[in-house]
């Protein structure tokens, strides 16, 4: 319940932007993917700092995390490309607003 409320609050600027629903959804997706990328990077840092793991265990975990990270980065690139395409059909003001929200 708290997580849903926090997510609602964190995207309130997008919800209140007045942009088209498809653009709002893309912006929310971009934020979520960026959050997941940051989490995977933190996991990778934790694995690298974990001295209790053997080098083989660390490599195996890092390999899995790197694969997941690569997939997330591909998803982010795709979502950003979709947003760029949608922005070409917007007014200049809305495009600036969308770009600003995508940076957060």
N, C-alpha and C. Protein backbone atom coordinates (compact mmCIF):
# COMPACT_ATOMS: atom_id res chain seq x y z
N UNK A 1 0.83 -1.18 0.00
CA UNK A 1 0.00 0.00 0.00
C UNK A 1 0.88 1.25 0.00
N UNK A 2 1.90 1.27 0.88
CA UNK A 2 2.79 2.43 0.95
C UNK A 2 3.58 2.59 -0.34
N UNK A 3 4.00 1.48 -0.94
CA UNK A 3 4.76 1.55 -2.18
C UNK A 3 3.91 2.14 -3.30
N UNK A 4 2.67 1.74 -3.36
CA UNK A 4 1.77 2.28 -4.37
C UNK A 4 1.55 3.77 -4.16
N UNK A 5 1.42 4.18 -2.92
CA UNK A 5 1.24 5.60 -2.61
C UNK A 5 2.49 6.39 -2.95
N UNK A 6 3.65 5.82 -2.67
CA UNK A 6 4.91 6.50 -2.98
C UNK A 6 5.08 6.64 -4.49
N UNK A 7 4.72 5.58 -5.22
CA UNK A 7 4.83 5.63 -6.68
C UNK A 7 3.87 6.67 -7.25
N UNK A 8 2.68 6.74 -6.68
CA UNK A 8 1.68 7.72 -7.12
C UNK A 8 2.22 9.14 -6.91
N UNK A 9 2.82 9.37 -5.76
CA UNK A 9 3.38 10.68 -5.44
C UNK A 9 4.57 10.99 -6.35
N UNK A 10 5.42 9.99 -6.59
CA UNK A 10 6.61 10.24 -7.39
C UNK A 10 6.28 10.56 -8.85
N UNK A 11 5.12 10.14 -9.30
CA UNK A 11 4.71 10.42 -10.68
C UNK A 11 3.63 11.50 -10.76
N UNK A 12 3.37 12.18 -9.66
CA UNK A 12 2.30 13.17 -9.67
C UNK A 12 2.61 14.32 -10.63
N UNK A 13 3.89 14.64 -10.79
CA UNK A 13 4.24 15.70 -11.75
C UNK A 13 3.89 15.28 -13.18
N UNK A 14 4.05 14.00 -13.47
CA UNK A 14 3.67 13.50 -14.80
C UNK A 14 2.16 13.52 -14.94
N UNK A 15 1.47 13.02 -13.91
CA UNK A 15 0.00 12.98 -13.96
C UNK A 15 -0.61 14.37 -14.10
N UNK A 16 0.03 15.36 -13.49
CA UNK A 16 -0.49 16.73 -13.51
C UNK A 16 0.01 17.55 -14.70
N UNK A 17 0.78 16.95 -15.59
CA UNK A 17 1.43 17.69 -16.67
C UNK A 17 0.49 18.14 -17.78
N UNK A 18 -0.65 17.46 -17.92
CA UNK A 18 -1.56 17.80 -19.00
C UNK A 18 -1.16 17.21 -20.34
N UNK A 19 -0.17 16.36 -20.34
CA UNK A 19 0.28 15.71 -21.58
C UNK A 19 -0.67 14.55 -21.92
N UNK A 20 -0.56 14.08 -23.15
CA UNK A 20 -1.39 12.96 -23.60
C UNK A 20 -1.08 11.71 -22.76
N UNK A 21 -2.07 10.86 -22.62
CA UNK A 21 -1.91 9.66 -21.78
C UNK A 21 -0.77 8.76 -22.27
N UNK A 22 -0.61 8.61 -23.59
CA UNK A 22 0.47 7.75 -24.08
C UNK A 22 1.83 8.32 -23.70
N UNK A 23 1.97 9.64 -23.69
CA UNK A 23 3.22 10.28 -23.31
C UNK A 23 3.44 10.11 -21.80
N UNK A 24 2.39 10.28 -21.02
CA UNK A 24 2.50 10.08 -19.57
C UNK A 24 2.96 8.66 -19.27
N UNK A 25 2.38 7.69 -19.97
CA UNK A 25 2.76 6.29 -19.75
C UNK A 25 4.23 6.06 -20.11
N UNK A 26 4.68 6.65 -21.21
CA UNK A 26 6.08 6.51 -21.60
C UNK A 26 7.00 7.13 -20.55
N UNK A 27 6.64 8.30 -20.06
CA UNK A 27 7.45 8.97 -19.04
C UNK A 27 7.53 8.14 -17.76
N UNK A 28 6.42 7.56 -17.36
CA UNK A 28 6.41 6.71 -16.16
C UNK A 28 7.27 5.46 -16.40
N UNK A 29 7.17 4.90 -17.60
CA UNK A 29 7.96 3.71 -17.93
C UNK A 29 9.46 4.05 -17.89
N UNK A 30 9.83 5.20 -18.44
CA UNK A 30 11.23 5.61 -18.43
C UNK A 30 11.73 5.76 -17.00
N UNK A 31 10.95 6.38 -16.15
CA UNK A 31 11.34 6.54 -14.74
C UNK A 31 11.53 5.19 -14.06
N UNK A 32 10.59 4.28 -14.31
CA UNK A 32 10.66 2.96 -13.68
C UNK A 32 11.91 2.20 -14.17
N UNK A 33 12.19 2.28 -15.46
CA UNK A 33 13.36 1.58 -15.99
C UNK A 33 14.64 2.19 -15.42
N UNK A 34 14.70 3.51 -15.32
CA UNK A 34 15.87 4.16 -14.73
C UNK A 34 16.07 3.72 -13.28
N UNK A 35 14.96 3.57 -12.55
CA UNK A 35 15.03 3.12 -11.17
C UNK A 35 15.58 1.69 -11.11
N UNK A 36 15.09 0.84 -12.00
CA UNK A 36 15.56 -0.55 -12.03
C UNK A 36 17.04 -0.63 -12.41
N UNK A 37 17.48 0.24 -13.33
CA UNK A 37 18.89 0.28 -13.72
C UNK A 37 19.74 0.66 -12.50
N UNK A 38 19.31 1.66 -11.76
CA UNK A 38 20.05 2.09 -10.57
C UNK A 38 20.12 0.96 -9.55
N UNK A 39 19.03 0.21 -9.40
CA UNK A 39 19.02 -0.92 -8.47
C UNK A 39 20.01 -1.99 -8.89
N UNK A 40 20.04 -2.32 -10.19
CA UNK A 40 20.97 -3.34 -10.68
C UNK A 40 22.41 -2.87 -10.50
N UNK A 41 22.67 -1.59 -10.74
CA UNK A 41 24.03 -1.07 -10.55
C UNK A 41 24.43 -1.15 -9.09
N UNK A 42 23.50 -0.89 -8.19
CA UNK A 42 23.78 -1.01 -6.75
C UNK A 42 24.05 -2.46 -6.38
N UNK A 43 23.29 -3.37 -6.97
CA UNK A 43 23.52 -4.80 -6.72
C UNK A 43 24.90 -5.21 -7.20
N UNK A 44 25.30 -4.70 -8.37
CA UNK A 44 26.62 -5.02 -8.90
C UNK A 44 27.72 -4.49 -7.96
N UNK A 45 27.55 -3.29 -7.47
CA UNK A 45 28.53 -2.72 -6.55
C UNK A 45 28.61 -3.55 -5.27
N UNK A 46 27.47 -4.03 -4.80
CA UNK A 46 27.44 -4.85 -3.59
C UNK A 46 28.16 -6.18 -3.81
N UNK A 47 27.96 -6.78 -4.97
CA UNK A 47 28.65 -8.04 -5.29
C UNK A 47 30.16 -7.80 -5.35
N UNK A 48 30.56 -6.71 -5.99
CA UNK A 48 32.00 -6.42 -6.10
C UNK A 48 32.62 -6.15 -4.73
N UNK A 49 31.85 -5.61 -3.81
CA UNK A 49 32.36 -5.30 -2.47
C UNK A 49 32.28 -6.49 -1.52
N UNK A 50 31.55 -7.53 -1.90
CA UNK A 50 31.35 -8.69 -1.03
C UNK A 50 32.58 -9.61 -1.08
N UNK A 51 33.39 -9.52 -0.05
CA UNK A 51 34.63 -10.31 0.00
C UNK A 51 34.39 -11.76 0.39
N UNK A 52 33.16 -12.09 0.78
CA UNK A 52 32.87 -13.47 1.15
C UNK A 52 32.64 -14.36 -0.08
N UNK A 53 32.48 -13.73 -1.24
CA UNK A 53 32.27 -14.50 -2.47
C UNK A 53 33.61 -14.89 -3.09
N UNK A 54 33.64 -16.10 -3.63
CA UNK A 54 34.84 -16.49 -4.37
C UNK A 54 34.84 -15.71 -5.69
N UNK A 55 35.99 -15.60 -6.34
CA UNK A 55 36.02 -14.89 -7.63
C UNK A 55 35.04 -15.49 -8.64
N UNK A 56 34.89 -16.80 -8.62
CA UNK A 56 33.96 -17.45 -9.55
C UNK A 56 32.52 -17.08 -9.24
N UNK A 57 32.17 -17.08 -7.95
CA UNK A 57 30.81 -16.71 -7.56
C UNK A 57 30.53 -15.25 -7.93
N UNK A 58 31.49 -14.40 -7.67
CA UNK A 58 31.31 -12.98 -8.00
C UNK A 58 31.13 -12.80 -9.50
N UNK A 59 31.95 -13.48 -10.30
CA UNK A 59 31.83 -13.38 -11.76
C UNK A 59 30.47 -13.87 -12.24
N UNK A 60 30.01 -14.97 -11.66
CA UNK A 60 28.71 -15.53 -12.07
C UNK A 60 27.58 -14.56 -11.74
N UNK A 61 27.61 -14.00 -10.55
CA UNK A 61 26.55 -13.04 -10.17
C UNK A 61 26.63 -11.77 -11.01
N UNK A 62 27.84 -11.30 -11.22
CA UNK A 62 28.01 -10.09 -12.03
C UNK A 62 27.55 -10.32 -13.47
N UNK A 63 27.81 -11.50 -13.97
CA UNK A 63 27.38 -11.82 -15.33
C UNK A 63 25.86 -11.77 -15.45
N UNK A 64 25.17 -12.35 -14.48
CA UNK A 64 23.71 -12.32 -14.48
C UNK A 64 23.17 -10.91 -14.35
N UNK A 65 23.79 -10.13 -13.46
CA UNK A 65 23.35 -8.75 -13.28
C UNK A 65 23.63 -7.92 -14.53
N UNK A 66 24.76 -8.18 -15.17
CA UNK A 66 25.10 -7.44 -16.40
C UNK A 66 24.10 -7.77 -17.50
N UNK A 67 23.67 -9.01 -17.59
CA UNK A 67 22.66 -9.38 -18.59
C UNK A 67 21.35 -8.66 -18.32
N UNK A 68 20.95 -8.63 -17.07
CA UNK A 68 19.71 -7.93 -16.71
C UNK A 68 19.85 -6.43 -16.99
N UNK A 69 21.00 -5.87 -16.70
CA UNK A 69 21.25 -4.46 -16.94
C UNK A 69 21.20 -4.14 -18.43
N UNK A 70 21.77 -5.02 -19.23
CA UNK A 70 21.74 -4.82 -20.68
C UNK A 70 20.30 -4.80 -21.21
N UNK A 71 19.49 -5.70 -20.70
CA UNK A 71 18.09 -5.73 -21.10
C UNK A 71 17.35 -4.47 -20.70
N UNK A 72 17.62 -3.99 -19.50
CA UNK A 72 16.98 -2.75 -19.03
C UNK A 72 17.43 -1.56 -19.87
N UNK A 73 18.71 -1.52 -20.21
CA UNK A 73 19.21 -0.41 -21.02
C UNK A 73 18.59 -0.43 -22.42
N UNK A 74 18.38 -1.62 -22.97
CA UNK A 74 17.72 -1.73 -24.27
C UNK A 74 16.27 -1.25 -24.16
N UNK A 75 15.60 -1.60 -23.08
CA UNK A 75 14.23 -1.14 -22.86
C UNK A 75 14.17 0.37 -22.72
N UNK A 76 15.14 0.94 -22.02
CA UNK A 76 15.19 2.38 -21.85
C UNK A 76 15.39 3.08 -23.19
N UNK A 77 16.28 2.56 -24.00
CA UNK A 77 16.53 3.13 -25.32
C UNK A 77 15.27 3.10 -26.16
N UNK A 78 14.56 1.99 -26.13
CA UNK A 78 13.32 1.85 -26.89
C UNK A 78 12.25 2.83 -26.41
N UNK A 79 12.10 2.95 -25.09
CA UNK A 79 11.10 3.86 -24.53
C UNK A 79 11.45 5.31 -24.87
N UNK A 80 12.74 5.65 -24.82
CA UNK A 80 13.15 7.01 -25.15
C UNK A 80 12.93 7.30 -26.64
N UNK A 81 13.14 6.31 -27.49
CA UNK A 81 12.88 6.49 -28.92
C UNK A 81 11.39 6.71 -29.17
N UNK A 82 10.55 5.97 -28.46
CA UNK A 82 9.11 6.16 -28.59
C UNK A 82 8.69 7.54 -28.11
N UNK A 83 9.30 8.01 -27.03
CA UNK A 83 9.00 9.34 -26.52
C UNK A 83 9.44 10.41 -27.53
N UNK A 84 10.60 10.24 -28.10
CA UNK A 84 11.10 11.20 -29.10
C UNK A 84 10.15 11.27 -30.28
N UNK A 85 9.66 10.12 -30.72
CA UNK A 85 8.71 10.08 -31.84
C UNK A 85 7.43 10.81 -31.47
N UNK A 86 6.93 10.56 -30.26
CA UNK A 86 5.69 11.22 -29.81
C UNK A 86 5.90 12.72 -29.66
N UNK A 87 7.08 13.13 -29.24
CA UNK A 87 7.36 14.55 -29.03
C UNK A 87 7.35 15.33 -30.35
N UNK A 88 7.66 14.66 -31.45
CA UNK A 88 7.66 15.33 -32.76
C UNK A 88 6.27 15.78 -33.17
N UNK A 89 5.26 15.16 -32.59
CA UNK A 89 3.87 15.48 -32.93
C UNK A 89 3.23 16.44 -31.93
N UNK A 90 4.01 16.91 -30.94
CA UNK A 90 3.49 17.80 -29.91
C UNK A 90 3.80 19.25 -30.23
N UNK A 91 3.13 20.12 -29.49
CA UNK A 91 3.50 21.53 -29.56
C UNK A 91 4.88 21.69 -28.91
N UNK A 92 5.54 22.79 -29.21
CA UNK A 92 6.87 23.02 -28.66
C UNK A 92 6.84 23.05 -27.13
N UNK A 93 5.83 23.67 -26.57
CA UNK A 93 5.73 23.76 -25.11
C UNK A 93 5.57 22.40 -24.46
N UNK A 94 4.70 21.58 -25.06
CA UNK A 94 4.50 20.23 -24.51
C UNK A 94 5.76 19.38 -24.68
N UNK A 95 6.45 19.55 -25.80
CA UNK A 95 7.68 18.79 -26.03
C UNK A 95 8.74 19.15 -24.99
N UNK A 96 8.85 20.44 -24.67
CA UNK A 96 9.80 20.86 -23.64
C UNK A 96 9.40 20.30 -22.28
N UNK A 97 8.11 20.32 -21.99
CA UNK A 97 7.60 19.77 -20.72
C UNK A 97 7.91 18.28 -20.63
N UNK A 98 7.67 17.54 -21.72
CA UNK A 98 7.94 16.10 -21.74
C UNK A 98 9.43 15.82 -21.57
N UNK A 99 10.26 16.60 -22.25
CA UNK A 99 11.70 16.41 -22.14
C UNK A 99 12.17 16.67 -20.72
N UNK A 100 11.62 17.70 -20.10
CA UNK A 100 11.97 18.03 -18.73
C UNK A 100 11.58 16.92 -17.77
N UNK A 101 10.41 16.37 -17.95
CA UNK A 101 9.94 15.28 -17.09
C UNK A 101 10.76 14.02 -17.31
N UNK A 102 11.21 13.79 -18.54
CA UNK A 102 12.01 12.60 -18.84
C UNK A 102 13.38 12.66 -18.18
N UNK A 103 13.85 13.87 -17.91
CA UNK A 103 15.18 14.04 -17.30
C UNK A 103 15.17 13.72 -15.80
N UNK A 104 14.02 13.79 -15.17
CA UNK A 104 13.95 13.59 -13.71
C UNK A 104 14.12 12.15 -13.36
